[in-house]
Each structure stands twice: as C-alpha cells, then as structure tokens.
C-alpha atoms as a PDB file:
ATOM      1  CA  MET A   1       0.458  20.527 -14.955  1.00  0.00           C
ATOM      2  CA  ILE A   2       0.763  17.317 -16.963  1.00  0.00           C
ATOM      3  CA  LYS A   3      -1.472  14.634 -15.476  1.00  0.00           C
ATOM      4  CA  PRO A   4       0.534  11.559 -14.424  1.00  0.00           C
ATOM      5  CA  ILE A   5      -0.266   8.083 -15.729  1.00  0.00           C
ATOM      6  CA  ILE A   6      -1.171   5.884 -12.768  1.00  0.00           C
ATOM      7  CA  GLY A   7      -1.132   2.105 -13.233  1.00  0.00           C
ATOM      8  CA  ILE A   8      -3.751   0.275 -11.166  1.00  0.00           C
ATOM      9  CA  THR A   9      -3.201  -3.451 -10.770  1.00  0.00           C
ATOM     10  CA  MET A  10      -6.348  -5.575 -10.618  1.00  0.00           C
ATOM     11  CA  GLY A  11      -5.264  -7.683  -7.626  1.00  0.00           C
ATOM     12  CA  ASP A  12      -6.922 -11.052  -7.099  1.00  0.00           C
ATOM     13  CA  SER A  13      -9.562 -11.228  -9.802  1.00  0.00           C
ATOM     14  CA  ALA A  14     -11.816 -13.454  -7.695  1.00  0.00           C
ATOM     15  CA  GLY A  15     -12.141 -10.674  -5.133  1.00  0.00           C
ATOM     16  CA  VAL A  16     -13.531  -7.152  -5.166  1.00  0.00           C
ATOM     17  CA  GLY A  17     -10.618  -5.608  -7.083  1.00  0.00           C
ATOM     18  CA  PRO A  18     -12.349  -5.447 -10.484  1.00  0.00           C
ATOM     19  CA  GLU A  19     -15.476  -3.918  -8.912  1.00  0.00           C
ATOM     20  CA  ILE A  20     -13.758  -1.173  -6.937  1.00  0.00           C
ATOM     21  CA  ILE A  21     -11.670  -0.291  -9.985  1.00  0.00           C
ATOM     22  CA  LEU A  22     -14.784   0.132 -12.120  1.00  0.00           C
ATOM     23  CA  LYS A  23     -16.485   2.164  -9.405  1.00  0.00           C
ATOM     24  CA  SER A  24     -13.430   4.401  -8.997  1.00  0.00           C
ATOM     25  CA  PHE A  25     -13.210   5.036 -12.719  1.00  0.00           C
ATOM     26  CA  GLY A  26     -16.834   6.133 -12.594  1.00  0.00           C
ATOM     27  CA  HIS A  27     -15.834   9.213 -10.554  1.00  0.00           C
ATOM     28  CA  LEU A  28     -14.872  12.181 -12.708  1.00  0.00           C
ATOM     29  CA  GLU A  29     -12.360  13.335 -10.076  1.00  0.00           C
ATOM     30  CA  ILE A  30     -10.044  10.412 -10.864  1.00  0.00           C
ATOM     31  CA  HIS A  31      -9.812  11.449 -14.513  1.00  0.00           C
ATOM     32  CA  GLU A  32      -9.283  15.080 -13.538  1.00  0.00           C
ATOM     33  CA  ILE A  33      -6.190  14.347 -11.432  1.00  0.00           C
ATOM     34  CA  CYS A  34      -4.510  11.601 -13.489  1.00  0.00           C
ATOM     35  CA  CYS A  35      -4.551   9.385 -16.558  1.00  0.00           C
ATOM     36  CA  PRO A  36      -5.447   5.997 -15.038  1.00  0.00           C
ATOM     37  CA  ILE A  37      -4.860   2.622 -16.644  1.00  0.00           C
ATOM     38  CA  VAL A  38      -5.680  -0.848 -15.350  1.00  0.00           C
ATOM     39  CA  ILE A  39      -3.088  -3.604 -15.502  1.00  0.00           C
ATOM     40  CA  GLY A  40      -5.067  -6.797 -15.497  1.00  0.00           C
ATOM     41  CA  ASP A  41      -7.420  -8.877 -17.620  1.00  0.00           C
ATOM     42  CA  ALA A  42      -9.991  -7.095 -19.779  1.00  0.00           C
ATOM     43  CA  LYS A  43     -12.526  -9.920 -19.878  1.00  0.00           C
ATOM     44  CA  ILE A  44     -12.668 -10.019 -16.076  1.00  0.00           C
ATOM     45  CA  LEU A  45     -13.363  -6.279 -16.049  1.00  0.00           C
ATOM     46  CA  GLU A  46     -16.107  -6.810 -18.638  1.00  0.00           C
ATOM     47  CA  ARG A  47     -17.716  -9.417 -16.396  1.00  0.00           C
ATOM     48  CA  ALA A  48     -17.480  -7.092 -13.396  1.00  0.00           C
ATOM     49  CA  LYS A  49     -19.462  -4.457 -15.304  1.00  0.00           C
ATOM     50  CA  THR A  50     -22.528  -6.645 -14.811  1.00  0.00           C
ATOM     51  CA  PHE A  51     -22.072  -6.485 -11.029  1.00  0.00           C
ATOM     52  CA  ILE A  52     -22.231  -2.701 -10.797  1.00  0.00           C
ATOM     53  CA  HIS A  53     -24.242  -1.903 -13.950  1.00  0.00           C
ATOM     54  CA  THR A  54     -21.869   0.577 -15.550  1.00  0.00           C
ATOM     55  CA  ASP A  55     -21.630   1.543 -19.204  1.00  0.00           C
ATOM     56  CA  LEU A  56     -17.909   2.403 -19.078  1.00  0.00           C
ATOM     57  CA  ASP A  57     -16.074   1.123 -22.148  1.00  0.00           C
ATOM     58  CA  ILE A  58     -13.258  -1.368 -21.539  1.00  0.00           C
ATOM     59  CA  HIS A  59     -10.433  -0.608 -23.969  1.00  0.00           C
ATOM     60  CA  SER A  60      -7.932  -3.490 -24.208  1.00  0.00           C
ATOM     61  CA  ILE A  61      -4.382  -2.300 -24.934  1.00  0.00           C
ATOM     62  CA  SER A  62      -0.970  -3.941 -25.231  1.00  0.00           C
ATOM     63  CA  THR A  63       1.017  -0.714 -25.300  1.00  0.00           C
ATOM     64  CA  LEU A  64       0.420   2.678 -23.714  1.00  0.00           C
ATOM     65  CA  ASP A  65       0.591   4.285 -27.150  1.00  0.00           C
ATOM     66  CA  HIS A  66      -2.874   2.827 -27.783  1.00  0.00           C
ATOM     67  CA  ALA A  67      -4.461   4.288 -24.648  1.00  0.00           C
ATOM     68  CA  GLU A  68      -7.442   6.632 -25.035  1.00  0.00           C
ATOM     69  CA  PHE A  69      -7.822   8.767 -21.929  1.00  0.00           C
ATOM     70  CA  SER A  70     -11.454   9.707 -21.457  1.00  0.00           C
ATOM     71  CA  PRO A  71     -13.851   9.620 -18.470  1.00  0.00           C
ATOM     72  CA  ASN A  72     -15.957   7.066 -20.343  1.00  0.00           C
ATOM     73  CA  VAL A  73     -13.080   4.704 -21.132  1.00  0.00           C
ATOM     74  CA  ILE A  74     -11.116   2.235 -19.009  1.00  0.00           C
ATOM     75  CA  ASN A  75      -7.765   1.472 -20.596  1.00  0.00           C
ATOM     76  CA  CYS A  76      -6.749  -2.056 -19.593  1.00  0.00           C
ATOM     77  CA  PHE A  77      -3.200  -3.230 -20.234  1.00  0.00           C
ATOM     78  CA  ASP A  78      -4.526  -6.686 -20.969  1.00  0.00           C
ATOM     79  CA  LEU A  79      -2.410  -9.672 -19.938  1.00  0.00           C
ATOM     80  CA  ASP A  80      -5.272 -12.011 -20.923  1.00  0.00           C
ATOM     81  CA  ILE A  81      -4.150 -14.860 -18.643  1.00  0.00           C
ATOM     82  CA  LEU A  82      -7.301 -15.778 -16.730  1.00  0.00           C
ATOM     83  CA  PRO A  83     -10.055 -18.234 -17.708  1.00  0.00           C
ATOM     84  CA  PRO A  84     -13.345 -16.500 -18.539  1.00  0.00           C
ATOM     85  CA  ASN A  85     -15.194 -18.707 -16.044  1.00  0.00           C
ATOM     86  CA  LEU A  86     -12.937 -17.891 -13.075  1.00  0.00           C
ATOM     87  CA  LEU A  87     -14.941 -18.560  -9.926  1.00  0.00           C
ATOM     88  CA  ILE A  88     -15.757 -15.483  -7.847  1.00  0.00           C
ATOM     89  CA  GLY A  89     -15.055 -15.424  -4.129  1.00  0.00           C
ATOM     90  CA  GLN A  90     -12.836 -18.506  -4.086  1.00  0.00           C
ATOM     91  CA  VAL A  91      -9.115 -19.033  -3.637  1.00  0.00           C
ATOM     92  CA  SER A  92      -7.445 -20.312  -6.785  1.00  0.00           C
ATOM     93  CA  ALA A  93      -3.942 -20.765  -8.146  1.00  0.00           C
ATOM     94  CA  GLU A  94      -5.008 -19.065 -11.384  1.00  0.00           C
ATOM     95  CA  SER A  95      -6.064 -15.824  -9.714  1.00  0.00           C
ATOM     96  CA  GLY A  96      -3.009 -15.857  -7.417  1.00  0.00           C
ATOM     97  CA  HIS A  97      -0.603 -16.258 -10.323  1.00  0.00           C
ATOM     98  CA  ALA A  98      -2.396 -13.597 -12.339  1.00  0.00           C
ATOM     99  CA  ALA A  99      -2.229 -11.138  -9.436  1.00  0.00           C
ATOM    100  CA  TYR A 100       1.542 -11.590  -9.339  1.00  0.00           C
ATOM    101  CA  LYS A 101       1.874 -11.101 -13.105  1.00  0.00           C
ATOM    102  CA  PHE A 102      -0.166  -7.880 -12.918  1.00  0.00           C
ATOM    103  CA  VAL A 103       2.255  -6.477 -10.339  1.00  0.00           C
ATOM    104  CA  GLU A 104       5.249  -7.691 -12.322  1.00  0.00           C
ATOM    105  CA  LYS A 105       4.051  -5.865 -15.441  1.00  0.00           C
ATOM    106  CA  ALA A 106       3.264  -2.724 -13.439  1.00  0.00           C
ATOM    107  CA  VAL A 107       6.777  -2.664 -11.972  1.00  0.00           C
ATOM    108  CA  GLU A 108       8.250  -3.076 -15.447  1.00  0.00           C
ATOM    109  CA  LEU A 109       6.223  -0.112 -16.718  1.00  0.00           C
ATOM    110  CA  ALA A 110       7.146   2.000 -13.692  1.00  0.00           C
ATOM    111  CA  LEU A 111      10.873   1.243 -13.888  1.00  0.00           C
ATOM    112  CA  ASN A 112      10.760   2.140 -17.586  1.00  0.00           C
ATOM    113  CA  LYS A 113       9.069   5.461 -16.680  1.00  0.00           C
ATOM    114  CA  GLU A 114       6.022   4.583 -18.800  1.00  0.00           C
ATOM    115  CA  ILE A 115       3.792   5.092 -15.768  1.00  0.00           C
ATOM    116  CA  ALA A 116       4.400   7.526 -12.912  1.00  0.00           C
ATOM    117  CA  ALA A 117       3.149   5.348 -10.051  1.00  0.00           C
ATOM    118  CA  ILE A 118       1.514   2.036  -9.151  1.00  0.00           C
ATOM    119  CA  CYS A 119      -1.687   1.653  -7.173  1.00  0.00           C
ATOM    120  CA  THR A 120      -2.595  -1.902  -6.209  1.00  0.00           C
ATOM    121  CA  ALA A 121      -5.944  -3.568  -5.609  1.00  0.00           C
ATOM    122  CA  PRO A 122      -5.838  -6.349  -2.978  1.00  0.00           C
ATOM    123  CA  LEU A 123      -4.435  -9.815  -3.535  1.00  0.00           C
ATOM    124  CA  ASN A 124      -5.006 -12.989  -1.523  1.00  0.00           C
ATOM    125  CA  LYS A 125      -1.917 -14.521   0.086  1.00  0.00           C
ATOM    126  CA  GLU A 126      -3.233 -18.099  -0.013  1.00  0.00           C
ATOM    127  CA  ALA A 127      -4.037 -17.778  -3.708  1.00  0.00           C
ATOM    128  CA  LEU A 128      -0.660 -16.145  -4.336  1.00  0.00           C
ATOM    129  CA  HIS A 129       1.101 -19.088  -2.730  1.00  0.00           C
ATOM    130  CA  LYS A 130      -1.036 -21.612  -4.610  1.00  0.00           C
ATOM    131  CA  GLY A 131      -0.032 -19.818  -7.786  1.00  0.00           C
ATOM    132  CA  GLY A 132       3.626 -20.493  -7.021  1.00  0.00           C
ATOM    133  CA  HIS A 133       4.650 -17.138  -5.533  1.00  0.00           C
ATOM    134  CA  THR A 134       5.553 -17.568  -1.872  1.00  0.00           C
ATOM    135  CA  TYR A 135       5.696 -13.947  -0.735  1.00  0.00           C
ATOM    136  CA  PRO A 136       3.997 -12.588   2.398  1.00  0.00           C
ATOM    137  CA  GLY A 137       2.330  -9.841   0.358  1.00  0.00           C
ATOM    138  CA  HIS A 138       2.627  -6.954  -2.082  1.00  0.00           C
ATOM    139  CA  THR A 139       5.384  -5.164  -0.185  1.00  0.00           C
ATOM    140  CA  GLU A 140       7.799  -8.072  -0.394  1.00  0.00           C
ATOM    141  CA  ILE A 141       6.967  -8.723  -4.067  1.00  0.00           C
ATOM    142  CA  LEU A 142       7.710  -5.105  -4.933  1.00  0.00           C
ATOM    143  CA  ALA A 143      10.962  -5.139  -2.964  1.00  0.00           C
ATOM    144  CA  HIS A 144      12.061  -8.290  -4.812  1.00  0.00           C
ATOM    145  CA  LEU A 145      11.117  -6.988  -8.264  1.00  0.00           C
ATOM    146  CA  THR A 146      12.933  -3.685  -7.687  1.00  0.00           C
ATOM    147  CA  ASN A 147      15.921  -5.224  -5.851  1.00  0.00           C
ATOM    148  CA  THR A 148      15.212  -3.036  -2.818  1.00  0.00           C
ATOM    149  CA  LYS A 149      16.801  -3.899   0.527  1.00  0.00           C
ATOM    150  CA  ASP A 150      15.620  -1.071   2.805  1.00  0.00           C
ATOM    151  CA  PHE A 151      11.849  -0.672   2.633  1.00  0.00           C
ATOM    152  CA  SER A 152       8.840  -0.449   4.884  1.00  0.00           C
ATOM    153  CA  MET A 153       5.063  -0.251   4.887  1.00  0.00           C
ATOM    154  CA  MET A 154       3.481   3.085   5.748  1.00  0.00           C
ATOM    155  CA  LEU A 155      -0.248   3.182   6.467  1.00  0.00           C
ATOM    156  CA  SER A 156      -2.219   6.390   6.218  1.00  0.00           C
ATOM    157  CA  ALA A 157      -5.669   7.109   7.636  1.00  0.00           C
ATOM    158  CA  PRO A 158      -7.395  10.356   8.615  1.00  0.00           C
ATOM    159  CA  ASN A 159      -5.003  12.162  11.017  1.00  0.00           C
ATOM    160  CA  LEU A 160      -2.684   9.174  11.390  1.00  0.00           C
ATOM    161  CA  ARG A 161       0.362   7.773   9.582  1.00  0.00           C
ATOM    162  CA  VAL A 162       2.124   4.613  10.746  1.00  0.00           C
ATOM    163  CA  ILE A 163       5.318   3.045   9.417  1.00  0.00           C
ATOM    164  CA  HIS A 164       6.357  -0.492  10.390  1.00  0.00           C
ATOM    165  CA  VAL A 165       9.633  -2.015  11.528  1.00  0.00           C
ATOM    166  CA  THR A 166       8.285  -5.533  10.882  1.00  0.00           C
ATOM    167  CA  THR A 167       5.095  -6.585   9.096  1.00  0.00           C
ATOM    168  CA  HIS A 168       4.022 -10.022   7.915  1.00  0.00           C
ATOM    169  CA  VAL A 169       5.704 -12.255  10.470  1.00  0.00           C
ATOM    170  CA  GLY A 170       4.525 -13.848  13.712  1.00  0.00           C
ATOM    171  CA  ILE A 171       4.901 -11.849  16.896  1.00  0.00           C
ATOM    172  CA  ILE A 172       7.737 -14.005  18.295  1.00  0.00           C
ATOM    173  CA  ASP A 173       9.680 -13.710  15.037  1.00  0.00           C
ATOM    174  CA  ALA A 174       8.957  -9.977  14.908  1.00  0.00           C
ATOM    175  CA  ILE A 175      10.558  -9.375  18.302  1.00  0.00           C
ATOM    176  CA  LYS A 176      13.639 -11.332  17.198  1.00  0.00           C
ATOM    177  CA  MET A 177      13.877  -9.308  13.966  1.00  0.00           C
ATOM    178  CA  ILE A 178      13.765  -5.900  15.653  1.00  0.00           C
ATOM    179  CA  ASN A 179      17.269  -4.439  16.006  1.00  0.00           C
ATOM    180  CA  PRO A 180      18.749  -0.923  16.250  1.00  0.00           C
ATOM    181  CA  GLN A 181      19.821  -0.783  12.616  1.00  0.00           C
ATOM    182  CA  ARG A 182      16.375  -1.753  11.320  1.00  0.00           C
ATOM    183  CA  VAL A 183      14.618   0.706  13.649  1.00  0.00           C
ATOM    184  CA  TYR A 184      16.995   3.460  12.522  1.00  0.00           C
ATOM    185  CA  GLU A 185      16.391   2.648   8.848  1.00  0.00           C
ATOM    186  CA  VAL A 186      12.621   2.902   9.313  1.00  0.00           C
ATOM    187  CA  ILE A 187      12.948   6.228  11.147  1.00  0.00           C
ATOM    188  CA  ARG A 188      15.098   7.494   8.267  1.00  0.00           C
ATOM    189  CA  LEU A 189      12.641   6.235   5.640  1.00  0.00           C
ATOM    190  CA  ALA A 190       9.770   7.955   7.430  1.00  0.00           C
ATOM    191  CA  ASN A 191      11.688  11.210   7.588  1.00  0.00           C
ATOM    192  CA  GLU A 192      12.749  11.049   3.927  1.00  0.00           C
ATOM    193  CA  THR A 193       9.277  10.137   2.686  1.00  0.00           C
ATOM    194  CA  LEU A 194       7.466  12.941   4.504  1.00  0.00           C
ATOM    195  CA  THR A 195      10.185  15.485   3.710  1.00  0.00           C
ATOM    196  CA  ARG A 196      10.010  14.563   0.021  1.00  0.00           C
ATOM    197  CA  ALA A 197       6.231  15.008   0.190  1.00  0.00           C
ATOM    198  CA  GLY A 198       6.785  18.621   1.282  1.00  0.00           C
ATOM    199  CA  MET A 199       6.640  18.361   5.081  1.00  0.00           C
ATOM    200  CA  ASN A 200       9.232  20.488   6.877  1.00  0.00           C
ATOM    201  CA  LYS A 201      11.032  18.530   9.628  1.00  0.00           C
ATOM    202  CA  PRO A 202       8.338  15.913  10.337  1.00  0.00           C
ATOM    203  CA  LYS A 203       7.778  14.924  13.954  1.00  0.00           C
ATOM    204  CA  ILE A 204       8.365  11.189  14.404  1.00  0.00           C
ATOM    205  CA  ALA A 205       7.412   9.093  17.443  1.00  0.00           C
ATOM    206  CA  VAL A 206       8.666   5.555  18.039  1.00  0.00           C
ATOM    207  CA  CYS A 207       6.583   2.894  19.809  1.00  0.00           C
ATOM    208  CA  GLY A 208       7.954   0.721  22.539  1.00  0.00           C
ATOM    209  CA  ILE A 209       7.909  -3.046  22.169  1.00  0.00           C
ATOM    210  CA  ASN A 210       6.539  -3.913  25.602  1.00  0.00           C
ATOM    211  CA  PRO A 211       3.567  -2.474  27.515  1.00  0.00           C
ATOM    212  CA  HIS A 212       4.337   1.033  28.793  1.00  0.00           C
ATOM    213  CA  ALA A 213       7.501   0.933  26.618  1.00  0.00           C
ATOM    214  CA  GLY A 214       9.009  -1.422  29.189  1.00  0.00           C
ATOM    215  CA  GLU A 215       8.609   1.060  32.063  1.00  0.00           C
ATOM    216  CA  ASN A 216      12.326   1.104  32.899  1.00  0.00           C
ATOM    217  CA  GLY A 217      12.657  -2.668  32.885  1.00  0.00           C
ATOM    218  CA  LEU A 218       9.428  -3.503  34.697  1.00  0.00           C
ATOM    219  CA  PHE A 219       8.045  -5.253  31.593  1.00  0.00           C
ATOM    220  CA  GLY A 220      10.046  -7.409  29.216  1.00  0.00           C
ATOM    221  CA  TYR A 221      13.767  -8.073  29.210  1.00  0.00           C
ATOM    222  CA  GLY A 222      15.196  -4.674  28.331  1.00  0.00           C
ATOM    223  CA  GLU A 223      14.200  -4.796  24.652  1.00  0.00           C
ATOM    224  CA  GLU A 224      13.652  -1.040  24.467  1.00  0.00           C
ATOM    225  CA  GLU A 225      17.135  -0.278  25.813  1.00  0.00           C
ATOM    226  CA  VAL A 226      18.834  -2.762  23.493  1.00  0.00           C
ATOM    227  CA  LYS A 227      16.747  -2.613  20.302  1.00  0.00           C
ATOM    228  CA  VAL A 228      15.102   0.820  20.129  1.00  0.00           C
ATOM    229  CA  ILE A 229      16.875   3.539  22.097  1.00  0.00           C
ATOM    230  CA  PRO A 230      20.209   3.315  20.191  1.00  0.00           C
ATOM    231  CA  ALA A 231      18.324   3.863  16.911  1.00  0.00           C
ATOM    232  CA  VAL A 232      16.493   6.907  18.260  1.00  0.00           C
ATOM    233  CA  ILE A 233      19.741   8.414  19.550  1.00  0.00           C
ATOM    234  CA  LYS A 234      21.468   7.853  16.196  1.00  0.00           C
ATOM    235  CA  ALA A 235      18.604   9.478  14.264  1.00  0.00           C
ATOM    236  CA  GLN A 236      18.491  12.422  16.662  1.00  0.00           C
ATOM    237  CA  ALA A 237      22.227  12.960  16.163  1.00  0.00           C
ATOM    238  CA  GLU A 238      21.543  13.334  12.435  1.00  0.00           C
ATOM    239  CA  GLY A 239      18.996  16.079  13.069  1.00  0.00           C
ATOM    240  CA  ILE A 240      15.853  13.992  12.691  1.00  0.00           C
ATOM    241  CA  ASP A 241      13.007  15.138  14.946  1.00  0.00           C
ATOM    242  CA  VAL A 242      12.257  11.806  16.620  1.00  0.00           C
ATOM    243  CA  VAL A 243      11.345  10.737  20.154  1.00  0.00           C
ATOM    244  CA  GLY A 244      10.791   7.392  21.832  1.00  0.00           C
ATOM    245  CA  PRO A 245      10.271   4.695  22.710  1.00  0.00           C
ATOM    246  CA  LEU A 246       6.825   5.758  23.920  1.00  0.00           C
ATOM    247  CA  PRO A 247       3.916   3.615  25.200  1.00  0.00           C
ATOM    248  CA  ALA A 248       1.774   2.491  22.286  1.00  0.00           C
ATOM    249  CA  ASP A 249      -1.442   2.617  24.304  1.00  0.00           C
ATOM    250  CA  THR A 250      -1.336   6.455  24.392  1.00  0.00           C
ATOM    251  CA  LEU A 251       0.925   7.280  21.459  1.00  0.00           C
ATOM    252  CA  PHE A 252      -1.688   6.752  18.748  1.00  0.00           C
ATOM    253  CA  PHE A 253      -4.157   9.014  20.544  1.00  0.00           C
ATOM    254  CA  ARG A 254      -1.482  11.711  20.838  1.00  0.00           C
ATOM    255  CA  THR A 255      -0.663  11.402  17.136  1.00  0.00           C
ATOM    256  CA  VAL A 256      -4.299  11.711  16.056  1.00  0.00           C
ATOM    257  CA  ARG A 257      -4.476  14.756  18.318  1.00  0.00           C
ATOM    258  CA  GLY A 258      -1.662  16.311  16.298  1.00  0.00           C
ATOM    259  CA  ASP A 259       1.419  15.835  18.478  1.00  0.00           C
ATOM    260  CA  PHE A 260       3.281  13.793  15.831  1.00  0.00           C
ATOM    261  CA  ASP A 261       3.273  13.366  12.057  1.00  0.00           C
ATOM    262  CA  VAL A 262       4.050   9.645  11.952  1.00  0.00           C
ATOM    263  CA  VAL A 263       4.375   6.707  14.340  1.00  0.00           C
ATOM    264  CA  VAL A 264       7.038   4.017  13.993  1.00  0.00           C
ATOM    265  CA  ALA A 265       5.314   0.758  14.981  1.00  0.00           C
ATOM    266  CA  MET A 266       7.304  -2.302  15.935  1.00  0.00           C
ATOM    267  CA  TYR A 267       5.060  -5.019  14.511  1.00  0.00           C
ATOM    268  CA  HIS A 268       2.016  -5.584  12.307  1.00  0.00           C
ATOM    269  CA  ASP A 269      -0.927  -5.425  14.699  1.00  0.00           C
ATOM    270  CA  GLN A 270       0.554  -2.652  16.808  1.00  0.00           C
ATOM    271  CA  GLY A 271       0.335  -0.331  13.811  1.00  0.00           C
ATOM    272  CA  HIS A 272      -2.481  -1.792  11.757  1.00  0.00           C
ATOM    273  CA  GLY A 273      -5.079  -1.858  14.524  1.00  0.00           C
ATOM    274  CA  PRO A 274      -5.283   1.902  15.168  1.00  0.00           C
ATOM    275  CA  VAL A 275      -5.185   2.737  11.455  1.00  0.00           C
ATOM    276  CA  LYS A 276      -8.020   0.379  10.605  1.00  0.00           C
ATOM    277  CA  VAL A 277     -10.150   1.646  13.465  1.00  0.00           C
ATOM    278  CA  LEU A 278      -9.803   5.159  12.056  1.00  0.00           C
ATOM    279  CA  GLY A 279     -10.087   4.423   8.366  1.00  0.00           C
ATOM    280  CA  LEU A 280     -10.893   0.931   7.146  1.00  0.00           C
ATOM    281  CA  ASP A 281     -12.662   2.405   4.119  1.00  0.00           C
ATOM    282  CA  THR A 282     -10.224   5.264   3.515  1.00  0.00           C
ATOM    283  CA  GLY A 283      -6.916   3.832   4.732  1.00  0.00           C
ATOM    284  CA  VAL A 284      -4.028   3.670   2.282  1.00  0.00           C
ATOM    285  CA  ASN A 285      -0.863   1.564   2.228  1.00  0.00           C
ATOM    286  CA  ILE A 286       2.302   3.245   0.903  1.00  0.00           C
ATOM    287  CA  THR A 287       5.499   1.268   0.332  1.00  0.00           C
ATOM    288  CA  VAL A 288       8.450   3.510   1.171  1.00  0.00           C
ATOM    289  CA  GLY A 289      12.050   2.967   0.110  1.00  0.00           C
ATOM    290  CA  LEU A 290      11.253   1.694  -3.397  1.00  0.00           C
ATOM    291  CA  PRO A 291      12.662   3.345  -6.547  1.00  0.00           C
ATOM    292  CA  ILE A 292       9.052   3.647  -7.736  1.00  0.00           C
ATOM    293  CA  ILE A 293       5.885   5.059  -6.180  1.00  0.00           C
ATOM    294  CA  ARG A 294       3.393   2.503  -4.894  1.00  0.00           C
ATOM    295  CA  THR A 295       0.188   2.960  -2.944  1.00  0.00           C
ATOM    296  CA  SER A 296      -2.550   0.478  -2.169  1.00  0.00           C
ATOM    297  CA  VAL A 297      -5.927   0.001  -0.596  1.00  0.00           C
ATOM    298  CA  ASP A 298      -5.781  -0.984   3.061  1.00  0.00           C
ATOM    299  CA  HIS A 299      -8.292  -3.828   2.885  1.00  0.00           C
ATOM    300  CA  GLY A 300      -8.413  -7.369   1.600  1.00  0.00           C
ATOM    301  CA  THR A 301     -10.045  -9.174  -1.288  1.00  0.00           C
ATOM    302  CA  ALA A 302     -13.398  -9.480   0.543  1.00  0.00           C
ATOM    303  CA  PHE A 303     -14.314 -12.789  -1.087  1.00  0.00           C
ATOM    304  CA  ASP A 304     -17.535 -12.862   0.943  1.00  0.00           C
ATOM    305  CA  ILE A 305     -19.007  -9.898  -0.951  1.00  0.00           C
ATOM    306  CA  ALA A 306     -17.199 -10.278  -4.299  1.00  0.00           C
ATOM    307  CA  GLY A 307     -19.562 -10.197  -7.257  1.00  0.00           C
ATOM    308  CA  LYS A 308     -22.363  -8.457  -5.333  1.00  0.00           C
ATOM    309  CA  GLY A 309     -21.503  -4.940  -6.462  1.00  0.00           C
ATOM    310  CA  ILE A 310     -21.490  -3.565  -2.922  1.00  0.00           C
ATOM    311  CA  ALA A 311     -17.734  -3.189  -2.315  1.00  0.00           C
ATOM    312  CA  ASP A 312     -16.661   0.305  -1.247  1.00  0.00           C
ATOM    313  CA  GLU A 313     -14.257   2.086  -3.602  1.00  0.00           C
ATOM    314  CA  ARG A 314     -13.218   4.906  -1.254  1.00  0.00           C
ATOM    315  CA  SER A 315      -9.934   3.342  -0.153  1.00  0.00           C
ATOM    316  CA  LEU A 316      -8.865   2.794  -3.767  1.00  0.00           C
ATOM    317  CA  MET A 317      -9.785   6.344  -4.679  1.00  0.00           C
ATOM    318  CA  GLU A 318      -7.735   7.668  -1.760  1.00  0.00           C
ATOM    319  CA  ALA A 319      -4.832   5.433  -2.793  1.00  0.00           C
ATOM    320  CA  ILE A 320      -4.967   6.912  -6.305  1.00  0.00           C
ATOM    321  CA  ARG A 321      -5.046  10.454  -4.852  1.00  0.00           C
ATOM    322  CA  GLN A 322      -2.023   9.763  -2.684  1.00  0.00           C
ATOM    323  CA  ALA A 323      -0.139   8.208  -5.584  1.00  0.00           C
ATOM    324  CA  VAL A 324      -0.775  11.364  -7.595  1.00  0.00           C
ATOM    325  CA  ASN A 325       0.366  13.523  -4.668  1.00  0.00           C
ATOM    326  CA  LEU A 326       3.641  11.612  -4.436  1.00  0.00           C
ATOM    327  CA  VAL A 327       4.487  12.075  -8.126  1.00  0.00           C
ATOM    328  CA  PRO A 328       6.881  14.985  -8.818  1.00  0.00           C
ATOM    329  CA  ARG A 329       5.020  17.780 -10.594  1.00  0.00           C
ATOM    330  CA  VAL A 330       5.919  18.391 -14.251  1.00  0.00           C
ATOM    331  CA  LYS A 331       4.789  21.599 -15.919  1.00  0.00           C
ATOM    332  CA  LYS A 332       3.454  21.597 -19.446  1.00  0.00           C
END
C-alpha cells in the first residue's frame, strides 16, 4: 500500500504542540504507517528540539515536491510567520493568528489532494480570538474553510466513541439549539462515518437531555419528546440501528461494556466528560461531515508545562493512527 501523506498542524506555538510533534516523529511507527509533514514554523520546531533533546533534522519546505521522507527528518511546510522570541506558555495574538494560518494552509493542501488527511495539535481559543479569528475552535474553523454545513465532533477513547449535537456553546444555548433535524443529522453522520470506516450496521445510542432522559415528563419540559424522539424515529425508518433517548448516567457504561458503537451526546460536557475520564492521554477528536479527513488530539495547549519537555505525545500519535485508518487505501 502507498503510505498517505498526513499534514500535522503545529497548533498554538506557545503551547505543547511543537514538543508533542517532535516526540511523535521520534517513534518509528509513525514513519512506517504514513509520510508525515508538519505545517507550521520551522524555527519554532528548532527551538522545541532543545526542550526534548532530539537530533531529528528539521527540513523547511515550501512545496511538497521538496519533502524528504525519512525517520530522521521532519518536513516542515514553513509559513515562517512567528517571531523567534515568541514567549512560551503565554496567550498571544501572534500565536493565535499563526495557529489559524497553519490550519488554513492544511485545508488548502487537503482540498487540493496534496495531503490525504489533517491532524491538528491544540490551539488556544483566547489567543485565536486575540489574533482576529473569532471561532469557538478547530471544528468551526474547518467547517468555514470547507464550506460545510452539516458537521459534528466525534471523540474516540478506548472502548468509547461519542458524537455531539452541540459543542462549544453554553448549556442554556445548547438546549435551545437542539432540534429534531439537528439530532437526525448527527445520527446520520455517525452512521455514515462508522460505515465508511468498515463497520457493518453500527449500533447507535442517543442520550437524553434531562436526567433519566426525562423519565416520561418527570424531569424537564418534554424536551425528549419534542427534540429527540422524532429524530430517532426518522433514522430508524431509514434502517439506521439507533435507539434512544436513554439516560446518560448509565448509557456511557453500557457503551464501554460493548452494547453500542457510538453515543450521540446532546451537549459538550455530557460527551466530553466520559471520554476524558477514559482516555485523556489517548483520546482523539474526529470532525465528521467534512470533505476532508481531520483528526486531533483531545487535550489543550497545556501552557503550564509548555517548554519543559514533559508533554505526553500519545494522543497525537493515536490521532495520526486514526487519520491513517480513515484514508482510503490505494495499492501500489
């Protein structure tokens, strides 16, 4: 099989992104499964080498034709837009703007089929906004850059996948945003994503909004009946194997046990909490519904430990593996 080219964006350069990228590239496995390139700033990667004491060679490129794929080389599609003295572990407009530009370039390369998938290191939302890009996060940036209307965030941890109806909004706004059409779209996206990945008729479970999924009107104001049940019925009529709404307090346990392949969560913390308990260091974020493949680490910029060389690269490595797994296989 031809190894796919995976573009890894550097994220917020004041955080741990450069370090976990260098550490990941130090594992031979990554080079065995793909041809990785970094989309970022080469001088920041050079500085990060001093944090983890690696002798990997940073190869600055401006076109993929100049890439040299070797376990000892890090090809960096170098945007060269950051100051060499960028402060580590601090929010800045410079690092926020650069993080956006890295993603923008990666999307351009992916849409042009120059890279097979994008894997993103973490960005900082405050820095992103200071840099002039007022998006809630990566998912919304990618949707905007690819002109995608129907999309969702899927989180993956050991024995658990969760896809979200709403994500980066307050809980009151999230409840208002939940409607049957949106819930149906997310169920459909979950089914399509797992089917495309080779799973035969995935089992999908939908969370309730209220405690005990409303318990027949005992809790809430009938949100399950109005916002969720019509979507489940519509998806079932199309042959999708989906049930719900089910109480969230037991559903995640049942899914980890093996009863379901993916959970549809209604809002951010309902889905993120269980995933991060199971796999903060190995969790992966997958954006579904895009015309390109995108995976990401499921942790933040960790400004408090940036520059110390102690950041854990396992989530990034798993994100790269999952990106490779989602790429259609091409024989030599």
